[in-house]
């Protein structure tokens, strides 16, 4: 019983210490990386050459990457980043892709074989389904990053304009 009491007291002390330390190291949400990340489109598409928007934001903040590598964000994002960082506005680098309207993945469910490869490839968990059962895309979560298309063995995923896929209720 004494052992349980000692361990509980120790856990309480450590918990309080961690709580106090978290206030010292707390982020106020205004770090440069976070500000840059908020301007990026959060598609997590990796078209910029980084595995997601946050790593690309860190590379921009560290002057490793230029501000013009985000095709989903387009010229508007380049302009916003240039303003934030007091840099010159430069054109979107076509080496990373071209600006296009927002896209949405749509699975032709009757052709889906339920392989789950698209689910594994989706960086934002916008595809639901189970093995050997059809899958579908949660349109409110899909960023149109296109990463689900290459792994699909039956080519049953299409990209459509996000504006045209909105249906009135």
N, C-alpha and C. Protein backbone atom coordinates (compact mmCIF):
# COMPACT_ATOMS: atom_id res chain seq x y z
N UNK A 1 0.82 -1.19 0.00
CA UNK A 1 0.00 0.00 0.00
C UNK A 1 0.87 1.27 0.00
N UNK A 2 1.94 1.21 0.77
CA UNK A 2 2.86 2.35 0.83
C UNK A 2 3.48 2.61 -0.55
N UNK A 3 3.80 1.52 -1.27
CA UNK A 3 4.38 1.65 -2.61
C UNK A 3 3.43 2.36 -3.57
N UNK A 4 2.15 2.02 -3.51
CA UNK A 4 1.15 2.66 -4.37
C UNK A 4 1.05 4.14 -4.04
N UNK A 5 1.07 4.48 -2.77
CA UNK A 5 0.98 5.86 -2.33
C UNK A 5 2.20 6.66 -2.80
N UNK A 6 3.38 6.09 -2.67
CA UNK A 6 4.61 6.76 -3.10
C UNK A 6 4.59 6.97 -4.62
N UNK A 7 4.21 5.95 -5.37
CA UNK A 7 4.15 6.07 -6.84
C UNK A 7 3.12 7.12 -7.24
N UNK A 8 1.96 7.13 -6.58
CA UNK A 8 0.92 8.12 -6.89
C UNK A 8 1.41 9.53 -6.62
N UNK A 9 2.07 9.72 -5.49
CA UNK A 9 2.61 11.03 -5.14
C UNK A 9 3.67 11.47 -6.15
N UNK A 10 4.53 10.54 -6.55
CA UNK A 10 5.56 10.82 -7.54
C UNK A 10 4.93 11.20 -8.89
N UNK A 11 3.91 10.47 -9.29
CA UNK A 11 3.21 10.76 -10.55
C UNK A 11 2.56 12.13 -10.50
N UNK A 12 1.97 12.48 -9.36
CA UNK A 12 1.36 13.80 -9.20
C UNK A 12 2.40 14.91 -9.32
N UNK A 13 3.53 14.74 -8.68
CA UNK A 13 4.60 15.73 -8.76
C UNK A 13 5.14 15.88 -10.18
N UNK A 14 5.36 14.76 -10.84
CA UNK A 14 5.85 14.82 -12.22
C UNK A 14 4.81 15.45 -13.15
N UNK A 15 3.55 15.13 -12.93
CA UNK A 15 2.48 15.72 -13.74
C UNK A 15 2.44 17.23 -13.59
N UNK A 16 2.53 17.70 -12.36
CA UNK A 16 2.55 19.15 -12.11
C UNK A 16 3.76 19.81 -12.75
N UNK A 17 4.90 19.15 -12.65
CA UNK A 17 6.12 19.69 -13.26
C UNK A 17 6.00 19.78 -14.77
N UNK A 18 5.44 18.75 -15.39
CA UNK A 18 5.25 18.78 -16.84
C UNK A 18 4.25 19.85 -17.25
N UNK A 19 3.20 20.01 -16.45
CA UNK A 19 2.21 21.05 -16.74
C UNK A 19 2.83 22.44 -16.70
N UNK A 20 3.67 22.68 -15.70
CA UNK A 20 4.35 23.97 -15.58
C UNK A 20 5.35 24.17 -16.73
N UNK A 21 6.08 23.13 -17.06
CA UNK A 21 7.06 23.22 -18.15
C UNK A 21 6.38 23.47 -19.49
N UNK A 22 5.20 22.91 -19.68
CA UNK A 22 4.50 23.12 -20.96
C UNK A 22 4.14 24.58 -21.16
N UNK A 23 3.91 25.30 -20.07
CA UNK A 23 3.62 26.73 -20.20
C UNK A 23 4.85 27.51 -20.65
N UNK A 24 6.01 27.10 -20.19
CA UNK A 24 7.25 27.78 -20.58
C UNK A 24 7.55 27.57 -22.05
N UNK A 25 7.27 26.37 -22.56
CA UNK A 25 7.60 26.04 -23.94
C UNK A 25 6.40 26.13 -24.87
N UNK A 26 5.33 26.71 -24.39
CA UNK A 26 4.10 26.79 -25.17
C UNK A 26 4.30 27.68 -26.40
N UNK A 27 3.76 27.21 -27.52
CA UNK A 27 3.82 27.99 -28.75
C UNK A 27 2.66 28.97 -28.75
N UNK A 28 2.92 30.20 -29.11
CA UNK A 28 1.85 31.18 -29.16
C UNK A 28 1.14 31.16 -30.51
N UNK A 29 1.50 30.22 -31.38
CA UNK A 29 0.84 30.10 -32.67
C UNK A 29 1.33 31.10 -33.69
N UNK A 30 2.35 31.86 -33.35
CA UNK A 30 2.79 32.89 -34.28
C UNK A 30 4.20 32.62 -34.81
N UNK A 31 4.72 31.42 -34.63
CA UNK A 31 6.05 31.15 -35.17
C UNK A 31 5.99 31.27 -36.69
N UNK A 32 7.11 31.57 -37.27
CA UNK A 32 7.15 31.78 -38.72
C UNK A 32 6.69 30.54 -39.47
N UNK A 33 7.12 29.36 -39.04
CA UNK A 33 6.71 28.13 -39.72
C UNK A 33 5.19 27.98 -39.67
N UNK A 34 4.59 28.26 -38.53
CA UNK A 34 3.13 28.13 -38.41
C UNK A 34 2.43 29.16 -39.28
N UNK A 35 2.95 30.37 -39.34
CA UNK A 35 2.34 31.40 -40.19
C UNK A 35 2.40 31.00 -41.66
N UNK A 36 3.54 30.47 -42.08
CA UNK A 36 3.68 30.01 -43.47
C UNK A 36 2.74 28.85 -43.73
N UNK A 37 2.71 27.89 -42.81
CA UNK A 37 1.85 26.71 -42.96
C UNK A 37 0.38 27.10 -43.09
N UNK A 38 -0.05 28.13 -42.37
CA UNK A 38 -1.44 28.57 -42.45
C UNK A 38 -1.78 29.15 -43.82
N UNK A 39 -0.79 29.65 -44.54
CA UNK A 39 -1.03 30.20 -45.87
C UNK A 39 -1.07 29.12 -46.95
N UNK A 40 -0.50 27.95 -46.66
CA UNK A 40 -0.48 26.86 -47.63
C UNK A 40 -1.84 26.16 -47.66
N UNK A 41 -2.18 25.50 -48.77
CA UNK A 41 -3.53 24.96 -48.94
C UNK A 41 -3.86 23.69 -48.15
N UNK A 42 -2.89 23.10 -47.49
CA UNK A 42 -3.10 21.89 -46.67
C UNK A 42 -3.61 20.71 -47.49
N UNK A 43 -3.16 20.59 -48.72
CA UNK A 43 -3.53 19.43 -49.53
C UNK A 43 -2.67 18.22 -49.21
N UNK A 44 -1.50 18.44 -48.63
CA UNK A 44 -0.56 17.36 -48.29
C UNK A 44 -0.21 16.53 -49.52
N UNK A 45 -0.17 17.16 -50.68
CA UNK A 45 -0.02 16.47 -51.97
C UNK A 45 1.42 16.13 -52.33
N UNK A 46 2.37 16.75 -51.72
CA UNK A 46 3.80 16.53 -51.97
C UNK A 46 4.26 17.00 -53.35
N UNK A 47 3.45 17.78 -54.04
CA UNK A 47 3.87 18.29 -55.35
C UNK A 47 5.04 19.25 -55.23
N UNK A 48 5.20 19.86 -54.07
CA UNK A 48 6.28 20.82 -53.85
C UNK A 48 7.63 20.14 -53.65
N UNK A 49 7.61 18.81 -53.51
CA UNK A 49 8.84 18.08 -53.27
C UNK A 49 9.04 17.75 -51.80
N UNK A 50 8.11 18.17 -50.96
CA UNK A 50 8.15 17.86 -49.53
C UNK A 50 6.95 16.98 -49.19
N UNK A 51 7.03 16.18 -48.13
CA UNK A 51 5.95 15.22 -47.85
C UNK A 51 4.64 15.83 -47.38
N UNK A 52 4.60 17.11 -47.16
CA UNK A 52 3.38 17.77 -46.73
C UNK A 52 3.60 19.26 -46.62
N UNK A 53 2.54 19.97 -46.23
CA UNK A 53 2.61 21.42 -46.16
C UNK A 53 3.53 21.91 -45.03
N UNK A 54 3.49 21.25 -43.89
CA UNK A 54 4.32 21.70 -42.75
C UNK A 54 5.82 21.57 -43.06
N UNK A 55 6.29 20.44 -43.64
CA UNK A 55 7.71 20.38 -43.99
C UNK A 55 8.11 21.43 -45.04
N UNK A 56 7.20 21.70 -45.98
CA UNK A 56 7.49 22.73 -46.97
C UNK A 56 7.57 24.10 -46.29
N UNK A 57 6.66 24.36 -45.33
CA UNK A 57 6.69 25.62 -44.59
C UNK A 57 8.01 25.77 -43.84
N UNK A 58 8.48 24.69 -43.24
CA UNK A 58 9.76 24.73 -42.52
C UNK A 58 10.91 25.02 -43.47
N UNK A 59 10.87 24.43 -44.66
CA UNK A 59 11.93 24.67 -45.65
C UNK A 59 11.92 26.11 -46.13
N UNK A 60 10.73 26.68 -46.30
CA UNK A 60 10.64 28.09 -46.69
C UNK A 60 11.20 28.97 -45.58
N UNK A 61 10.80 28.68 -44.35
CA UNK A 61 11.26 29.49 -43.21
C UNK A 61 12.78 29.44 -43.06
N UNK A 62 13.36 28.29 -43.39
CA UNK A 62 14.81 28.13 -43.28
C UNK A 62 15.55 28.56 -44.55
N UNK A 63 14.84 29.17 -45.50
CA UNK A 63 15.41 29.61 -46.78
C UNK A 63 16.02 28.46 -47.58
N UNK A 64 15.48 27.27 -47.43
CA UNK A 64 15.94 26.11 -48.19
C UNK A 64 15.13 25.98 -49.48
N UNK A 65 13.84 26.32 -49.40
CA UNK A 65 12.96 26.21 -50.57
C UNK A 65 12.39 27.57 -50.93
N UNK A 66 12.19 27.83 -52.22
CA UNK A 66 11.56 29.08 -52.63
C UNK A 66 10.05 29.03 -52.36
N UNK A 67 9.40 30.16 -52.46
CA UNK A 67 7.98 30.27 -52.14
C UNK A 67 7.06 29.88 -53.29
N UNK A 68 7.61 29.44 -54.40
CA UNK A 68 6.79 29.22 -55.60
C UNK A 68 6.68 27.76 -56.03
N UNK A 69 6.66 26.83 -55.08
CA UNK A 69 6.63 25.41 -55.42
C UNK A 69 5.29 24.75 -55.12
N UNK A 70 4.23 25.50 -54.90
CA UNK A 70 2.94 24.93 -54.48
C UNK A 70 1.86 25.15 -55.54
N UNK A 71 1.71 24.20 -56.48
CA UNK A 71 0.68 24.36 -57.51
C UNK A 71 -0.75 24.46 -56.96
N UNK A 72 -1.14 23.67 -55.94
CA UNK A 72 -2.51 23.82 -55.45
C UNK A 72 -2.79 25.21 -54.86
N UNK A 73 -1.78 25.82 -54.28
CA UNK A 73 -1.95 27.16 -53.72
C UNK A 73 -1.94 28.23 -54.80
N UNK A 74 -1.19 27.96 -55.85
CA UNK A 74 -1.15 28.87 -56.99
C UNK A 74 -0.51 30.22 -56.70
N UNK A 75 -0.81 31.15 -57.60
CA UNK A 75 -0.23 32.49 -57.51
C UNK A 75 -0.69 33.22 -56.25
N UNK A 76 -1.91 32.95 -55.79
CA UNK A 76 -2.41 33.62 -54.58
C UNK A 76 -1.55 33.26 -53.37
N UNK A 77 -1.16 32.01 -53.27
CA UNK A 77 -0.32 31.58 -52.15
C UNK A 77 1.07 32.17 -52.27
N UNK A 78 1.62 32.18 -53.48
CA UNK A 78 2.94 32.78 -53.69
C UNK A 78 2.91 34.25 -53.27
N UNK A 79 1.86 34.96 -53.65
CA UNK A 79 1.73 36.38 -53.30
C UNK A 79 1.62 36.56 -51.79
N UNK A 80 0.82 35.72 -51.13
CA UNK A 80 0.65 35.82 -49.68
C UNK A 80 1.95 35.51 -48.95
N UNK A 81 2.67 34.50 -49.43
CA UNK A 81 3.96 34.16 -48.82
C UNK A 81 4.97 35.28 -49.02
N UNK A 82 5.00 35.87 -50.21
CA UNK A 82 5.93 36.97 -50.48
C UNK A 82 5.64 38.15 -49.56
N UNK A 83 4.36 38.43 -49.34
CA UNK A 83 3.98 39.53 -48.45
C UNK A 83 4.40 39.24 -47.01
N UNK A 84 4.13 38.03 -46.55
CA UNK A 84 4.49 37.65 -45.18
C UNK A 84 6.00 37.74 -44.95
N UNK A 85 6.77 37.27 -45.94
CA UNK A 85 8.22 37.16 -45.78
C UNK A 85 9.00 38.35 -46.35
N UNK A 86 8.27 39.35 -46.84
CA UNK A 86 8.90 40.52 -47.45
C UNK A 86 9.85 40.11 -48.57
N UNK A 87 9.34 39.23 -49.42
CA UNK A 87 10.13 38.79 -50.58
C UNK A 87 9.41 39.23 -51.85
N UNK A 88 10.13 39.13 -52.94
CA UNK A 88 9.58 39.47 -54.24
C UNK A 88 8.61 38.37 -54.69
N UNK A 89 7.49 38.78 -55.30
CA UNK A 89 6.55 37.81 -55.86
C UNK A 89 7.18 37.23 -57.11
N UNK A 90 7.27 35.91 -57.17
CA UNK A 90 7.83 35.24 -58.33
C UNK A 90 6.78 34.29 -58.89
N UNK A 91 6.83 34.00 -60.19
CA UNK A 91 5.82 33.12 -60.78
C UNK A 91 5.93 31.69 -60.24
N UNK A 92 4.82 31.02 -60.27
CA UNK A 92 4.77 29.61 -59.87
C UNK A 92 5.74 28.82 -60.73
N UNK A 93 6.54 27.96 -60.12
CA UNK A 93 7.53 27.16 -60.84
C UNK A 93 6.82 25.98 -61.52
N UNK A 94 6.76 25.97 -62.86
CA UNK A 94 6.04 24.90 -63.57
C UNK A 94 6.69 23.52 -63.40
N UNK A 95 7.91 23.49 -62.90
CA UNK A 95 8.59 22.22 -62.65
C UNK A 95 7.83 21.38 -61.62
N UNK A 96 7.06 22.04 -60.76
CA UNK A 96 6.31 21.35 -59.71
C UNK A 96 4.84 21.16 -60.07
N UNK A 97 4.42 21.68 -61.20
CA UNK A 97 3.03 21.55 -61.63
C UNK A 97 2.47 22.91 -61.98
N UNK A 98 1.25 22.91 -62.45
CA UNK A 98 0.60 24.16 -62.82
C UNK A 98 -0.65 24.34 -61.97
N UNK A 99 -1.01 25.59 -61.81
CA UNK A 99 -2.21 25.92 -61.04
C UNK A 99 -3.44 25.42 -61.80
N UNK A 100 -4.36 24.82 -61.08
CA UNK A 100 -5.59 24.33 -61.70
C UNK A 100 -6.74 24.52 -60.71
N UNK A 101 -7.96 24.42 -61.20
CA UNK A 101 -9.08 24.54 -60.27
C UNK A 101 -9.03 23.42 -59.23
N UNK A 102 -9.66 23.66 -58.10
CA UNK A 102 -9.69 22.65 -57.04
C UNK A 102 -10.33 21.37 -57.57
N UNK A 103 -9.71 20.24 -57.25
CA UNK A 103 -10.17 18.95 -57.73
C UNK A 103 -10.66 18.08 -56.57
N UNK A 104 -11.42 17.07 -56.93
CA UNK A 104 -11.97 16.14 -55.95
C UNK A 104 -11.90 14.74 -56.55
N UNK A 105 -11.42 13.79 -55.79
CA UNK A 105 -11.37 12.40 -56.25
C UNK A 105 -12.77 11.78 -56.12
N UNK A 106 -13.14 11.02 -57.11
CA UNK A 106 -14.41 10.30 -57.10
C UNK A 106 -14.12 8.86 -57.51
N UNK A 107 -14.58 7.91 -56.72
CA UNK A 107 -14.37 6.50 -57.02
C UNK A 107 -15.60 5.96 -57.73
N UNK A 108 -15.38 5.34 -58.88
CA UNK A 108 -16.47 4.65 -59.57
C UNK A 108 -16.67 3.34 -58.79
N UNK A 109 -17.59 3.39 -57.85
CA UNK A 109 -17.73 2.33 -56.87
C UNK A 109 -18.05 0.95 -57.47
N UNK A 110 -18.77 0.92 -58.57
CA UNK A 110 -19.10 -0.37 -59.19
C UNK A 110 -17.86 -1.07 -59.76
N UNK A 111 -16.78 -0.31 -59.97
CA UNK A 111 -15.55 -0.89 -60.50
C UNK A 111 -14.50 -1.16 -59.42
N UNK A 112 -14.73 -0.64 -58.22
CA UNK A 112 -13.77 -0.77 -57.12
C UNK A 112 -13.71 -2.23 -56.66
N UNK A 113 -12.49 -2.73 -56.48
CA UNK A 113 -12.31 -4.12 -56.03
C UNK A 113 -11.97 -4.21 -54.55
N UNK A 114 -11.88 -3.07 -53.87
CA UNK A 114 -11.63 -3.07 -52.44
C UNK A 114 -10.22 -3.43 -52.05
N UNK A 115 -9.24 -3.03 -52.84
CA UNK A 115 -7.85 -3.41 -52.57
C UNK A 115 -7.23 -2.62 -51.41
N UNK A 116 -7.81 -1.50 -51.03
CA UNK A 116 -7.37 -0.58 -49.96
C UNK A 116 -6.10 0.21 -50.29
N UNK A 117 -5.57 0.10 -51.49
CA UNK A 117 -4.35 0.83 -51.83
C UNK A 117 -4.59 2.34 -51.85
N UNK A 118 -5.77 2.77 -52.28
CA UNK A 118 -6.07 4.21 -52.29
C UNK A 118 -6.21 4.74 -50.86
N UNK A 119 -6.76 3.93 -49.97
CA UNK A 119 -6.91 4.33 -48.58
C UNK A 119 -5.54 4.57 -47.97
N UNK A 120 -4.61 3.68 -48.23
CA UNK A 120 -3.26 3.81 -47.69
C UNK A 120 -2.53 5.02 -48.28
N UNK A 121 -2.85 5.38 -49.52
CA UNK A 121 -2.16 6.48 -50.19
C UNK A 121 -2.71 7.85 -49.81
N UNK A 122 -3.93 7.91 -49.32
CA UNK A 122 -4.58 9.20 -49.03
C UNK A 122 -3.95 9.85 -47.80
N UNK A 123 -3.35 11.04 -47.96
CA UNK A 123 -2.68 11.68 -46.83
C UNK A 123 -3.63 12.34 -45.84
N UNK A 124 -4.90 12.48 -46.20
CA UNK A 124 -5.85 13.16 -45.32
C UNK A 124 -7.01 12.26 -44.88
N UNK A 125 -6.88 10.96 -45.09
CA UNK A 125 -7.91 9.99 -44.69
C UNK A 125 -9.30 10.33 -45.23
N UNK A 126 -9.36 10.70 -46.50
CA UNK A 126 -10.63 11.06 -47.11
C UNK A 126 -11.32 9.88 -47.80
N UNK A 127 -10.68 8.72 -47.80
CA UNK A 127 -11.26 7.54 -48.44
C UNK A 127 -11.60 6.52 -47.37
N UNK A 128 -12.82 6.01 -47.46
CA UNK A 128 -13.26 4.99 -46.50
C UNK A 128 -13.67 3.74 -47.25
N UNK A 129 -13.55 2.62 -46.59
CA UNK A 129 -13.91 1.34 -47.17
C UNK A 129 -13.19 0.25 -46.41
N UNK A 130 -13.42 -0.96 -46.82
CA UNK A 130 -12.78 -2.10 -46.18
C UNK A 130 -12.26 -3.03 -47.26
N UNK A 131 -11.35 -3.91 -46.86
CA UNK A 131 -10.77 -4.85 -47.81
C UNK A 131 -11.86 -5.66 -48.50
N UNK A 132 -11.75 -5.77 -49.79
CA UNK A 132 -12.65 -6.53 -50.65
C UNK A 132 -14.08 -5.96 -50.69
N UNK A 133 -14.24 -4.73 -50.23
CA UNK A 133 -15.51 -4.02 -50.33
C UNK A 133 -15.24 -2.69 -51.01
N UNK A 134 -16.26 -2.13 -51.64
CA UNK A 134 -16.04 -0.87 -52.36
C UNK A 134 -15.66 0.25 -51.40
N UNK A 135 -14.95 1.21 -51.94
CA UNK A 135 -14.52 2.38 -51.19
C UNK A 135 -15.26 3.60 -51.71
N UNK A 136 -15.23 4.65 -50.93
CA UNK A 136 -15.82 5.91 -51.37
C UNK A 136 -14.99 7.06 -50.80
N UNK A 137 -15.16 8.22 -51.39
CA UNK A 137 -14.41 9.41 -50.98
C UNK A 137 -15.33 10.31 -50.17
N UNK A 138 -14.84 10.76 -49.03
CA UNK A 138 -15.56 11.77 -48.24
C UNK A 138 -15.18 13.11 -48.85
N UNK A 139 -16.07 13.66 -49.64
CA UNK A 139 -15.74 14.84 -50.43
C UNK A 139 -15.34 16.05 -49.59
N UNK A 140 -15.90 16.18 -48.39
CA UNK A 140 -15.53 17.31 -47.54
C UNK A 140 -14.09 17.23 -47.04
N UNK A 141 -13.49 16.04 -47.09
CA UNK A 141 -12.12 15.86 -46.62
C UNK A 141 -11.10 15.78 -47.76
N UNK A 142 -11.55 15.46 -48.96
CA UNK A 142 -10.65 15.28 -50.10
C UNK A 142 -10.03 16.61 -50.50
N UNK A 143 -8.71 16.61 -50.69
CA UNK A 143 -8.00 17.81 -51.11
C UNK A 143 -7.65 17.79 -52.60
N UNK A 144 -7.98 16.71 -53.29
CA UNK A 144 -7.68 16.62 -54.71
C UNK A 144 -6.20 16.47 -55.01
N UNK A 145 -5.46 15.88 -54.10
CA UNK A 145 -4.01 15.79 -54.24
C UNK A 145 -3.56 14.79 -55.30
N UNK A 146 -4.42 13.92 -55.74
CA UNK A 146 -4.15 12.93 -56.79
C UNK A 146 -3.30 11.75 -56.34
N UNK A 147 -2.94 11.67 -55.08
CA UNK A 147 -2.06 10.58 -54.62
C UNK A 147 -2.76 9.22 -54.60
N UNK A 148 -4.08 9.20 -54.66
CA UNK A 148 -4.81 7.93 -54.65
C UNK A 148 -4.87 7.29 -56.04
N UNK A 149 -4.62 8.05 -57.07
CA UNK A 149 -4.79 7.54 -58.44
C UNK A 149 -3.71 6.53 -58.86
N UNK A 150 -2.43 6.82 -58.71
CA UNK A 150 -1.41 5.86 -59.17
C UNK A 150 -1.50 4.46 -58.56
N UNK A 151 -1.80 4.31 -57.27
CA UNK A 151 -1.82 2.94 -56.75
C UNK A 151 -3.05 2.12 -57.13
N UNK A 152 -4.08 2.73 -57.68
CA UNK A 152 -5.32 2.00 -58.00
C UNK A 152 -5.08 1.03 -59.16
N UNK A 153 -5.20 -0.28 -58.91
CA UNK A 153 -4.90 -1.26 -59.97
C UNK A 153 -5.98 -1.37 -61.05
N UNK A 154 -7.19 -0.86 -60.76
CA UNK A 154 -8.27 -0.97 -61.75
C UNK A 154 -8.67 0.38 -62.34
N UNK A 155 -7.92 1.43 -62.00
CA UNK A 155 -8.14 2.76 -62.55
C UNK A 155 -9.59 3.21 -62.42
N UNK A 156 -10.14 3.11 -61.20
CA UNK A 156 -11.54 3.48 -60.99
C UNK A 156 -11.70 4.81 -60.27
N UNK A 157 -10.65 5.63 -60.23
CA UNK A 157 -10.72 6.92 -59.55
C UNK A 157 -10.58 8.03 -60.58
N UNK A 158 -11.52 8.95 -60.54
CA UNK A 158 -11.50 10.11 -61.42
C UNK A 158 -11.31 11.37 -60.59
N UNK A 159 -10.76 12.39 -61.21
CA UNK A 159 -10.70 13.70 -60.58
C UNK A 159 -11.70 14.60 -61.29
N UNK A 160 -12.53 15.25 -60.51
CA UNK A 160 -13.53 16.16 -61.06
C UNK A 160 -13.34 17.53 -60.42
N UNK A 161 -13.85 18.53 -61.04
CA UNK A 161 -13.77 19.87 -60.49
C UNK A 161 -14.57 19.91 -59.18
N UNK A 162 -13.97 20.40 -58.14
CA UNK A 162 -14.64 20.46 -56.84
C UNK A 162 -15.88 21.36 -56.93
N UNK A 163 -15.82 22.39 -57.74
CA UNK A 163 -16.98 23.30 -57.89
C UNK A 163 -18.16 22.58 -58.54
N UNK A 164 -17.90 21.74 -59.53
CA UNK A 164 -19.00 21.06 -60.22
C UNK A 164 -19.55 19.88 -59.43
N UNK A 165 -18.78 19.41 -58.44
CA UNK A 165 -19.24 18.24 -57.67
C UNK A 165 -20.14 18.64 -56.52
N UNK A 166 -20.25 19.95 -56.23
CA UNK A 166 -21.10 20.39 -55.14
C UNK A 166 -22.56 20.29 -55.58
N UNK A 167 -23.33 19.52 -54.83
CA UNK A 167 -24.74 19.39 -55.17
C UNK A 167 -25.59 20.07 -54.11
N UNK A 168 -26.57 20.84 -54.53
CA UNK A 168 -27.42 21.52 -53.54
C UNK A 168 -28.29 20.52 -52.81
N UNK A 169 -28.52 20.75 -51.54
CA UNK A 169 -29.33 19.84 -50.74
C UNK A 169 -30.76 20.30 -50.71
